[in-house]
Amino acid sequence: MFEKFSFKTGKTDEPSLASHKVNKIPVHVAIIMDGNGRWAKRRGLPRIAGHREAMKTIKRVTKEADRLGIKVLTLYAFSTENWKRPKPEVDFLMKLPQQFLNSYLNELIEQNVQVRTMGDLSRLPSHTLQAVEHAVARTQKNTGLILNFALNYGSHLEIVRAMKAIIQEVGDNRLDAEAVTEEVVARHLMSPALPDPDLLIRTGGEVRLSNFMLWQLAYTELYFSDEYWPDFNEQSLQKAVSIFASRQRRYGGLMEGSEEN
């Protein structure tokens, strides 16, 4: 049902990015950045070492996404379920956005990148929230790649909140129940100003969505990599985009002249 790819040296059957037209570049790529802890464990390092290395991957993948012509890059940075992890690890994870933005914000500004966020930011520590809000404010007029961080984000929470808001509007007679459409629901989600992802990448070898953008991913192309996130690099992203470009997106219909079911 889903395709899973490994990246072993010497493999030559992946489509070449150069073999596909520029208009096959996905507009919006979403990434579940998985495998940091296992990357560190394999090297005999503490889990936090994997999370620290992950920041370098975010930097190089963001630059490569911009170079390829991707317009929106959404990164699943911290889920609503991640609070269940040991407190020292959670505390460290909450420091990473501040460290990343303090280190790379000037470079993001030079690259004309606009930083955005989605999720319930009210639970974030003040130092994390301040760093994120500062980055959003400093880059809000930038017109290049949108770098969207999903922080304290969970799709179930997102959908429940959207339903509550719609019910309230109906109850207040600001919205007719019969007028509730897919477009209305989408407007009440946490990413109303962004197009739905064209391509979802999950690293780390797991094949699941983990409560990430479930509504928005309805017709997204899925790509699963065995690489741990700290090992994911520019060539890894190029391969994922090449696979995307080689696929035919039908959206439930048929391609012109096709007799397939």
C-alpha atoms as a PDB file:
ATOM      1  CA  MET A   1       0.000   0.000   0.000  1.00  0.00           C
ATOM      2  CA  PHE A   2       2.716   2.429   0.991  1.00  0.00           C
ATOM      3  CA  GLU A   3       6.161   2.596  -0.570  1.00  0.00           C
ATOM      4  CA  LYS A   4       9.175   2.348   1.690  1.00  0.00           C
ATOM      5  CA  PHE A   5      12.640   3.160   0.480  1.00  0.00           C
ATOM      6  CA  SER A   6      16.109   2.354   1.743  1.00  0.00           C
ATOM      7  CA  PHE A   7      19.169   4.288   0.683  1.00  0.00           C
ATOM      8  CA  LYS A   8      21.935   1.757   0.252  1.00  0.00           C
ATOM      9  CA  THR A   9      25.106   2.668  -1.568  1.00  0.00           C
ATOM     10  CA  GLY A  10      25.221   1.555  -5.139  1.00  0.00           C
ATOM     11  CA  LYS A  11      21.466   1.654  -5.672  1.00  0.00           C
ATOM     12  CA  THR A  12      20.810   3.129  -9.099  1.00  0.00           C
ATOM     13  CA  ASP A  13      17.103   2.663  -9.770  1.00  0.00           C
ATOM     14  CA  GLU A  14      15.803   5.888  -8.181  1.00  0.00           C
ATOM     15  CA  PRO A  15      14.448   8.399 -10.712  1.00  0.00           C
ATOM     16  CA  SER A  16      16.736  11.325 -11.376  1.00  0.00           C
ATOM     17  CA  LEU A  17      15.466  14.746 -10.366  1.00  0.00           C
ATOM     18  CA  ALA A  18      16.843  16.151 -13.594  1.00  0.00           C
ATOM     19  CA  SER A  19      14.648  13.731 -15.564  1.00  0.00           C
ATOM     20  CA  HIS A  20      11.434  15.417 -14.381  1.00  0.00           C
ATOM     21  CA  LYS A  21       9.970  18.783 -15.257  1.00  0.00           C
ATOM     22  CA  VAL A  22      10.280  21.701 -12.886  1.00  0.00           C
ATOM     23  CA  ASN A  23       6.506  21.822 -12.466  1.00  0.00           C
ATOM     24  CA  LYS A  24       6.743  18.419 -10.759  1.00  0.00           C
ATOM     25  CA  ILE A  25       8.468  20.000  -7.755  1.00  0.00           C
ATOM     26  CA  PRO A  26       6.062  19.779  -4.787  1.00  0.00           C
ATOM     27  CA  VAL A  27       4.785  23.126  -3.570  1.00  0.00           C
ATOM     28  CA  HIS A  28       4.447  22.004   0.051  1.00  0.00           C
ATOM     29  CA  VAL A  29       6.607  19.339   1.668  1.00  0.00           C
ATOM     30  CA  ALA A  30       5.871  18.157   5.213  1.00  0.00           C
ATOM     31  CA  ILE A  31       8.400  16.120   7.174  1.00  0.00           C
ATOM     32  CA  ILE A  32       8.081  13.902  10.234  1.00  0.00           C
ATOM     33  CA  MET A  33      11.632  14.113  11.560  1.00  0.00           C
ATOM     34  CA  ASP A  34      12.067  10.719  13.206  1.00  0.00           C
ATOM     35  CA  GLY A  35      15.053   8.708  14.395  1.00  0.00           C
ATOM     36  CA  ASN A  36      17.094  11.182  16.432  1.00  0.00           C
ATOM     37  CA  GLY A  37      17.247   8.981  19.524  1.00  0.00           C
ATOM     38  CA  ARG A  38      18.063   5.818  17.586  1.00  0.00           C
ATOM     39  CA  TRP A  39      20.764   7.693  15.650  1.00  0.00           C
ATOM     40  CA  ALA A  40      22.395   8.633  18.957  1.00  0.00           C
ATOM     41  CA  LYS A  41      21.981   5.168  20.497  1.00  0.00           C
ATOM     42  CA  ARG A  42      23.687   3.539  17.519  1.00  0.00           C
ATOM     43  CA  ARG A  43      26.701   5.758  18.238  1.00  0.00           C
ATOM     44  CA  GLY A  44      26.688   5.174  22.000  1.00  0.00           C
ATOM     45  CA  LEU A  45      25.543   8.739  22.644  1.00  0.00           C
ATOM     46  CA  PRO A  46      22.705  10.118  24.801  1.00  0.00           C
ATOM     47  CA  ARG A  47      19.409  10.773  23.006  1.00  0.00           C
ATOM     48  CA  ILE A  48      19.868  14.523  23.299  1.00  0.00           C
ATOM     49  CA  ALA A  49      22.915  14.259  21.040  1.00  0.00           C
ATOM     50  CA  GLY A  50      20.599  13.096  18.259  1.00  0.00           C
ATOM     51  CA  HIS A  51      18.262  16.010  18.840  1.00  0.00           C
ATOM     52  CA  ARG A  52      21.184  18.419  18.727  1.00  0.00           C
ATOM     53  CA  GLU A  53      22.410  16.936  15.451  1.00  0.00           C
ATOM     54  CA  ALA A  54      18.883  17.259  14.077  1.00  0.00           C
ATOM     55  CA  MET A  55      19.220  21.048  14.069  1.00  0.00           C
ATOM     56  CA  LYS A  56      22.022  20.812  11.511  1.00  0.00           C
ATOM     57  CA  THR A  57      19.794  18.655   9.331  1.00  0.00           C
ATOM     58  CA  ILE A  58      16.985  21.213   9.510  1.00  0.00           C
ATOM     59  CA  LYS A  59      19.388  23.891   8.308  1.00  0.00           C
ATOM     60  CA  ARG A  60      20.688  21.965   5.293  1.00  0.00           C
ATOM     61  CA  VAL A  61      17.282  20.569   4.305  1.00  0.00           C
ATOM     62  CA  THR A  62      15.739  24.048   4.477  1.00  0.00           C
ATOM     63  CA  LYS A  63      18.442  25.423   2.191  1.00  0.00           C
ATOM     64  CA  GLU A  64      18.037  22.569  -0.262  1.00  0.00           C
ATOM     65  CA  ALA A  65      14.243  22.859  -0.272  1.00  0.00           C
ATOM     66  CA  ASP A  66      14.592  26.528  -1.128  1.00  0.00           C
ATOM     67  CA  ARG A  67      17.095  25.737  -3.884  1.00  0.00           C
ATOM     68  CA  LEU A  68      14.757  23.133  -5.403  1.00  0.00           C
ATOM     69  CA  GLY A  69      11.891  25.623  -5.563  1.00  0.00           C
ATOM     70  CA  ILE A  70       9.738  24.172  -2.789  1.00  0.00           C
ATOM     71  CA  LYS A  71       7.518  26.949  -1.430  1.00  0.00           C
ATOM     72  CA  VAL A  72       6.466  25.582   1.973  1.00  0.00           C
ATOM     73  CA  LEU A  73       8.373  23.268   4.320  1.00  0.00           C
ATOM     74  CA  THR A  74       6.468  22.071   7.392  1.00  0.00           C
ATOM     75  CA  LEU A  75       8.506  20.281  10.062  1.00  0.00           C
ATOM     76  CA  TYR A  76       6.920  18.211  12.835  1.00  0.00           C
ATOM     77  CA  ALA A  77       9.104  19.532  15.646  1.00  0.00           C
ATOM     78  CA  PHE A  78       7.127  18.573  18.780  1.00  0.00           C
ATOM     79  CA  SER A  79       3.839  16.701  19.067  1.00  0.00           C
ATOM     80  CA  THR A  80       1.140  16.873  21.723  1.00  0.00           C
ATOM     81  CA  GLU A  81       2.165  13.314  22.626  1.00  0.00           C
ATOM     82  CA  ASN A  82       5.840  14.204  23.133  1.00  0.00           C
ATOM     83  CA  TRP A  83       5.047  15.561  26.602  1.00  0.00           C
ATOM     84  CA  LYS A  84       4.939  11.901  27.703  1.00  0.00           C
ATOM     85  CA  ARG A  85       8.704  11.599  27.276  1.00  0.00           C
ATOM     86  CA  PRO A  86      11.054  11.875  30.292  1.00  0.00           C
ATOM     87  CA  LYS A  87      11.122  15.414  31.657  1.00  0.00           C
ATOM     88  CA  PRO A  88      14.873  15.980  31.029  1.00  0.00           C
ATOM     89  CA  GLU A  89      14.367  15.107  27.357  1.00  0.00           C
ATOM     90  CA  VAL A  90      11.278  17.336  27.090  1.00  0.00           C
ATOM     91  CA  ASP A  91      13.154  20.203  28.734  1.00  0.00           C
ATOM     92  CA  PHE A  92      15.983  19.767  26.221  1.00  0.00           C
ATOM     93  CA  LEU A  93      13.557  19.621  23.282  1.00  0.00           C
ATOM     94  CA  MET A  94      11.973  22.862  24.456  1.00  0.00           C
ATOM     95  CA  LYS A  95      15.385  24.538  24.261  1.00  0.00           C
ATOM     96  CA  LEU A  96      16.038  23.458  20.677  1.00  0.00           C
ATOM     97  CA  PRO A  97      13.806  26.028  18.909  1.00  0.00           C
ATOM     98  CA  GLN A  98      15.537  28.805  20.829  1.00  0.00           C
ATOM     99  CA  GLN A  99      18.996  27.403  20.046  1.00  0.00           C
ATOM    100  CA  PHE A 100      18.166  26.842  16.387  1.00  0.00           C
ATOM    101  CA  LEU A 101      16.664  30.261  15.841  1.00  0.00           C
ATOM    102  CA  ASN A 102      19.409  32.052  17.796  1.00  0.00           C
ATOM    103  CA  SER A 103      22.014  30.300  15.655  1.00  0.00           C
ATOM    104  CA  TYR A 104      20.387  30.466  12.227  1.00  0.00           C
ATOM    105  CA  LEU A 105      17.826  33.280  12.236  1.00  0.00           C
ATOM    106  CA  ASN A 106      20.145  35.739  10.484  1.00  0.00           C
ATOM    107  CA  GLU A 107      20.839  33.168   7.774  1.00  0.00           C
ATOM    108  CA  LEU A 108      17.115  32.524   7.357  1.00  0.00           C
ATOM    109  CA  ILE A 109      16.546  36.253   6.968  1.00  0.00           C
ATOM    110  CA  GLU A 110      19.326  36.480   4.366  1.00  0.00           C
ATOM    111  CA  GLN A 111      17.690  33.612   2.476  1.00  0.00           C
ATOM    112  CA  ASN A 112      14.331  35.466   2.526  1.00  0.00           C
ATOM    113  CA  VAL A 113      12.755  32.598   4.533  1.00  0.00           C
ATOM    114  CA  GLN A 114       9.542  33.295   6.412  1.00  0.00           C
ATOM    115  CA  VAL A 115       9.139  31.438   9.728  1.00  0.00           C
ATOM    116  CA  ARG A 116       5.654  30.332  10.768  1.00  0.00           C
ATOM    117  CA  THR A 117       4.252  28.006  13.404  1.00  0.00           C
ATOM    118  CA  MET A 118       1.197  25.813  13.909  1.00  0.00           C
ATOM    119  CA  GLY A 119       0.056  24.129  17.113  1.00  0.00           C
ATOM    120  CA  ASP A 120      -0.980  25.032  20.640  1.00  0.00           C
ATOM    121  CA  LEU A 121       1.796  27.415  21.621  1.00  0.00           C
ATOM    122  CA  SER A 122       0.194  28.296  24.975  1.00  0.00           C
ATOM    123  CA  ARG A 123       1.882  25.362  26.706  1.00  0.00           C
ATOM    124  CA  LEU A 124       5.387  26.201  25.525  1.00  0.00           C
ATOM    125  CA  PRO A 125       7.889  27.559  28.069  1.00  0.00           C
ATOM    126  CA  SER A 126       8.297  31.323  27.908  1.00  0.00           C
ATOM    127  CA  HIS A 127      11.854  31.136  26.515  1.00  0.00           C
ATOM    128  CA  THR A 128      10.693  28.881  23.687  1.00  0.00           C
ATOM    129  CA  LEU A 129       7.649  31.002  22.918  1.00  0.00           C
ATOM    130  CA  GLN A 130       9.655  34.230  22.913  1.00  0.00           C
ATOM    131  CA  ALA A 131      12.240  32.813  20.502  1.00  0.00           C
ATOM    132  CA  VAL A 132       9.553  31.577  18.138  1.00  0.00           C
ATOM    133  CA  GLU A 133       7.543  34.786  18.246  1.00  0.00           C
ATOM    134  CA  HIS A 134      10.715  36.811  17.646  1.00  0.00           C
ATOM    135  CA  ALA A 135      11.583  34.744  14.576  1.00  0.00           C
ATOM    136  CA  VAL A 136       8.055  35.004  13.195  1.00  0.00           C
ATOM    137  CA  ALA A 137       8.075  38.788  13.669  1.00  0.00           C
ATOM    138  CA  ARG A 138      11.548  39.252  12.164  1.00  0.00           C
ATOM    139  CA  THR A 139      10.683  37.250   9.036  1.00  0.00           C
ATOM    140  CA  GLN A 140       7.029  38.111   8.486  1.00  0.00           C
ATOM    141  CA  LYS A 141       7.770  40.348   5.488  1.00  0.00           C
ATOM    142  CA  ASN A 142      10.027  37.800   3.792  1.00  0.00           C
ATOM    143  CA  THR A 143       8.628  36.431   0.544  1.00  0.00           C
ATOM    144  CA  GLY A 144      10.648  33.255   0.003  1.00  0.00           C
ATOM    145  CA  LEU A 145      10.297  29.753   1.391  1.00  0.00           C
ATOM    146  CA  ILE A 146       7.842  29.390   4.275  1.00  0.00           C
ATOM    147  CA  LEU A 147       9.446  27.362   7.082  1.00  0.00           C
ATOM    148  CA  ASN A 148       6.520  26.181   9.186  1.00  0.00           C
ATOM    149  CA  PHE A 149       7.254  24.534  12.531  1.00  0.00           C
ATOM    150  CA  ALA A 150       4.573  22.271  14.041  1.00  0.00           C
ATOM    151  CA  LEU A 151       5.101  22.822  17.775  1.00  0.00           C
ATOM    152  CA  ASN A 152       2.923  21.147  20.388  1.00  0.00           C
ATOM    153  CA  TYR A 153       0.834  20.045  17.439  1.00  0.00           C
ATOM    154  CA  GLY A 154      -1.551  17.114  17.144  1.00  0.00           C
ATOM    155  CA  SER A 155      -4.076  16.577  14.391  1.00  0.00           C
ATOM    156  CA  HIS A 156      -6.759  15.212  16.715  1.00  0.00           C
ATOM    157  CA  LEU A 157      -6.492  18.366  18.845  1.00  0.00           C
ATOM    158  CA  GLU A 158      -6.570  20.501  15.708  1.00  0.00           C
ATOM    159  CA  ILE A 159      -9.735  18.861  14.368  1.00  0.00           C
ATOM    160  CA  VAL A 160     -11.519  18.942  17.742  1.00  0.00           C
ATOM    161  CA  ARG A 161     -10.757  22.647  18.091  1.00  0.00           C
ATOM    162  CA  ALA A 162     -12.011  23.298  14.580  1.00  0.00           C
ATOM    163  CA  MET A 163     -15.263  21.444  15.300  1.00  0.00           C
ATOM    164  CA  LYS A 164     -15.798  23.381  18.524  1.00  0.00           C
ATOM    165  CA  ALA A 165     -15.252  26.692  16.725  1.00  0.00           C
ATOM    166  CA  ILE A 166     -17.701  25.734  13.968  1.00  0.00           C
ATOM    167  CA  ILE A 167     -20.316  24.573  16.506  1.00  0.00           C
ATOM    168  CA  GLN A 168     -19.942  27.886  18.334  1.00  0.00           C
ATOM    169  CA  GLU A 169     -20.449  29.842  15.115  1.00  0.00           C
ATOM    170  CA  VAL A 170     -23.547  27.817  14.276  1.00  0.00           C
ATOM    171  CA  GLY A 171     -24.877  28.336  17.796  1.00  0.00           C
ATOM    172  CA  ASP A 172     -24.308  32.074  17.513  1.00  0.00           C
ATOM    173  CA  ASN A 173     -26.153  32.127  14.168  1.00  0.00           C
ATOM    174  CA  ARG A 174     -22.997  33.305  12.424  1.00  0.00           C
ATOM    175  CA  LEU A 175     -22.915  30.160  10.296  1.00  0.00           C
ATOM    176  CA  ASP A 176     -25.680  27.964   8.927  1.00  0.00           C
ATOM    177  CA  ALA A 177     -25.143  24.260   9.644  1.00  0.00           C
ATOM    178  CA  GLU A 178     -25.985  23.462   6.021  1.00  0.00           C
ATOM    179  CA  ALA A 179     -23.189  25.782   4.921  1.00  0.00           C
ATOM    180  CA  VAL A 180     -20.491  23.723   6.660  1.00  0.00           C
ATOM    181  CA  THR A 181     -18.322  22.384   3.841  1.00  0.00           C
ATOM    182  CA  GLU A 182     -14.835  20.953   3.547  1.00  0.00           C
ATOM    183  CA  GLU A 183     -13.620  24.472   2.825  1.00  0.00           C
ATOM    184  CA  VAL A 184     -15.199  25.760   6.053  1.00  0.00           C
ATOM    185  CA  VAL A 185     -13.535  23.018   8.076  1.00  0.00           C
ATOM    186  CA  ALA A 186     -10.176  23.723   6.417  1.00  0.00           C
ATOM    187  CA  ARG A 187     -10.449  27.415   7.299  1.00  0.00           C
ATOM    188  CA  HIS A 188     -10.722  26.488  10.967  1.00  0.00           C
ATOM    189  CA  LEU A 189      -7.615  24.318  11.023  1.00  0.00           C
ATOM    190  CA  MET A 190      -4.195  25.512  12.184  1.00  0.00           C
ATOM    191  CA  SER A 191      -2.810  25.948   8.665  1.00  0.00           C
ATOM    192  CA  PRO A 192      -5.583  27.809   6.809  1.00  0.00           C
ATOM    193  CA  ALA A 193      -3.206  30.032   4.856  1.00  0.00           C
ATOM    194  CA  LEU A 194      -1.106  27.153   3.524  1.00  0.00           C
ATOM    195  CA  PRO A 195      -1.838  24.722   0.697  1.00  0.00           C
ATOM    196  CA  ASP A 196      -2.181  21.088   1.716  1.00  0.00           C
ATOM    197  CA  PRO A 197       1.122  19.183   1.556  1.00  0.00           C
ATOM    198  CA  ASP A 198       1.927  17.599  -1.796  1.00  0.00           C
ATOM    199  CA  LEU A 199       4.578  15.333  -0.297  1.00  0.00           C
ATOM    200  CA  LEU A 200       5.006  13.882   3.185  1.00  0.00           C
ATOM    201  CA  ILE A 201       8.415  12.526   4.136  1.00  0.00           C
ATOM    202  CA  ARG A 202       8.929  10.423   7.244  1.00  0.00           C
ATOM    203  CA  THR A 203      12.443   9.417   8.223  1.00  0.00           C
ATOM    204  CA  GLY A 204      13.549   6.748  10.681  1.00  0.00           C
ATOM    205  CA  GLY A 205      12.029   3.664   9.068  1.00  0.00           C
ATOM    206  CA  GLU A 206       8.588   3.897  10.701  1.00  0.00           C
ATOM    207  CA  VAL A 207       5.521   3.738   8.449  1.00  0.00           C
ATOM    208  CA  ARG A 208       2.782   5.742  10.159  1.00  0.00           C
ATOM    209  CA  LEU A 209       1.476   9.312  10.317  1.00  0.00           C
ATOM    210  CA  SER A 210       1.646   9.813  14.100  1.00  0.00           C
ATOM    211  CA  ASN A 211      -1.277  12.227  14.364  1.00  0.00           C
ATOM    212  CA  PHE A 212       0.234  14.672  11.872  1.00  0.00           C
ATOM    213  CA  MET A 213      -1.946  16.812   9.573  1.00  0.00           C
ATOM    214  CA  LEU A 214      -4.487  14.012   9.068  1.00  0.00           C
ATOM    215  CA  TRP A 215      -7.040  16.232   7.347  1.00  0.00           C
ATOM    216  CA  GLN A 216      -4.485  17.994   5.158  1.00  0.00           C
ATOM    217  CA  LEU A 217      -2.764  14.752   4.081  1.00  0.00           C
ATOM    218  CA  ALA A 218      -5.878  13.260   2.451  1.00  0.00           C
ATOM    219  CA  TYR A 219      -4.292  13.245  -1.035  1.00  0.00           C
ATOM    220  CA  THR A 220      -0.654  13.794  -0.147  1.00  0.00           C
ATOM    221  CA  GLU A 221       2.006  11.518  -1.639  1.00  0.00           C
ATOM    222  CA  LEU A 222       3.698   9.532   1.136  1.00  0.00           C
ATOM    223  CA  TYR A 223       7.416   8.720   1.219  1.00  0.00           C
ATOM    224  CA  PHE A 224       9.090   6.708   3.977  1.00  0.00           C
ATOM    225  CA  SER A 225      12.859   6.657   4.405  1.00  0.00           C
ATOM    226  CA  ASP A 226      14.970   4.246   6.450  1.00  0.00           C
ATOM    227  CA  GLU A 227      17.442   7.045   7.154  1.00  0.00           C
ATOM    228  CA  TYR A 228      17.436   8.550  10.616  1.00  0.00           C
ATOM    229  CA  TRP A 229      16.718  12.274  10.508  1.00  0.00           C
ATOM    230  CA  PRO A 230      20.288  13.353  11.437  1.00  0.00           C
ATOM    231  CA  ASP A 231      21.541  11.403   8.397  1.00  0.00           C
ATOM    232  CA  PHE A 232      18.963  12.917   6.006  1.00  0.00           C
ATOM    233  CA  ASN A 233      20.723  15.324   3.654  1.00  0.00           C
ATOM    234  CA  GLU A 234      20.390  17.260   0.416  1.00  0.00           C
ATOM    235  CA  GLN A 235      20.636  14.132  -1.720  1.00  0.00           C
ATOM    236  CA  SER A 236      18.004  12.425   0.428  1.00  0.00           C
ATOM    237  CA  LEU A 237      15.571  15.264  -0.226  1.00  0.00           C
ATOM    238  CA  GLN A 238      16.355  15.195  -3.932  1.00  0.00           C
ATOM    239  CA  LYS A 239      15.536  11.463  -4.055  1.00  0.00           C
ATOM    240  CA  ALA A 240      12.239  12.005  -2.253  1.00  0.00           C
ATOM    241  CA  VAL A 241      11.287  14.776  -4.678  1.00  0.00           C
ATOM    242  CA  SER A 242      12.309  12.578  -7.624  1.00  0.00           C
ATOM    243  CA  ILE A 243      10.005   9.798  -6.444  1.00  0.00           C
ATOM    244  CA  PHE A 244       7.215  12.356  -6.036  1.00  0.00           C
ATOM    245  CA  ALA A 245       7.807  13.686  -9.543  1.00  0.00           C
ATOM    246  CA  SER A 246       7.559  10.205 -11.023  1.00  0.00           C
ATOM    247  CA  ARG A 247       4.100   9.527  -9.584  1.00  0.00           C
ATOM    248  CA  GLN A 248       0.713  10.250 -11.158  1.00  0.00           C
ATOM    249  CA  ARG A 249      -1.673  12.058  -8.831  1.00  0.00           C
ATOM    250  CA  ARG A 250      -5.284  11.149  -9.619  1.00  0.00           C
ATOM    251  CA  TYR A 251      -7.170  12.575  -6.609  1.00  0.00           C
ATOM    252  CA  GLY A 252      -9.652   9.723  -6.824  1.00  0.00           C
ATOM    253  CA  GLY A 253     -10.206  10.079 -10.582  1.00  0.00           C
ATOM    254  CA  LEU A 254      -8.535   8.659 -13.674  1.00  0.00           C
ATOM    255  CA  MET A 255      -5.742  10.011 -15.793  1.00  0.00           C
ATOM    256  CA  GLU A 256      -6.842  11.145 -19.228  1.00  0.00           C
ATOM    257  CA  GLY A 257      -7.119   8.120 -21.520  1.00  0.00           C
ATOM    258  CA  SER A 258      -6.663   5.669 -18.646  1.00  0.00           C
ATOM    259  CA  GLU A 259      -8.825   2.580 -18.121  1.00  0.00           C
ATOM    260  CA  GLU A 260      -7.389   1.726 -14.706  1.00  0.00           C
ATOM    261  CA  ASN A 261      -9.691   1.418 -11.696  1.00  0.00           C
END
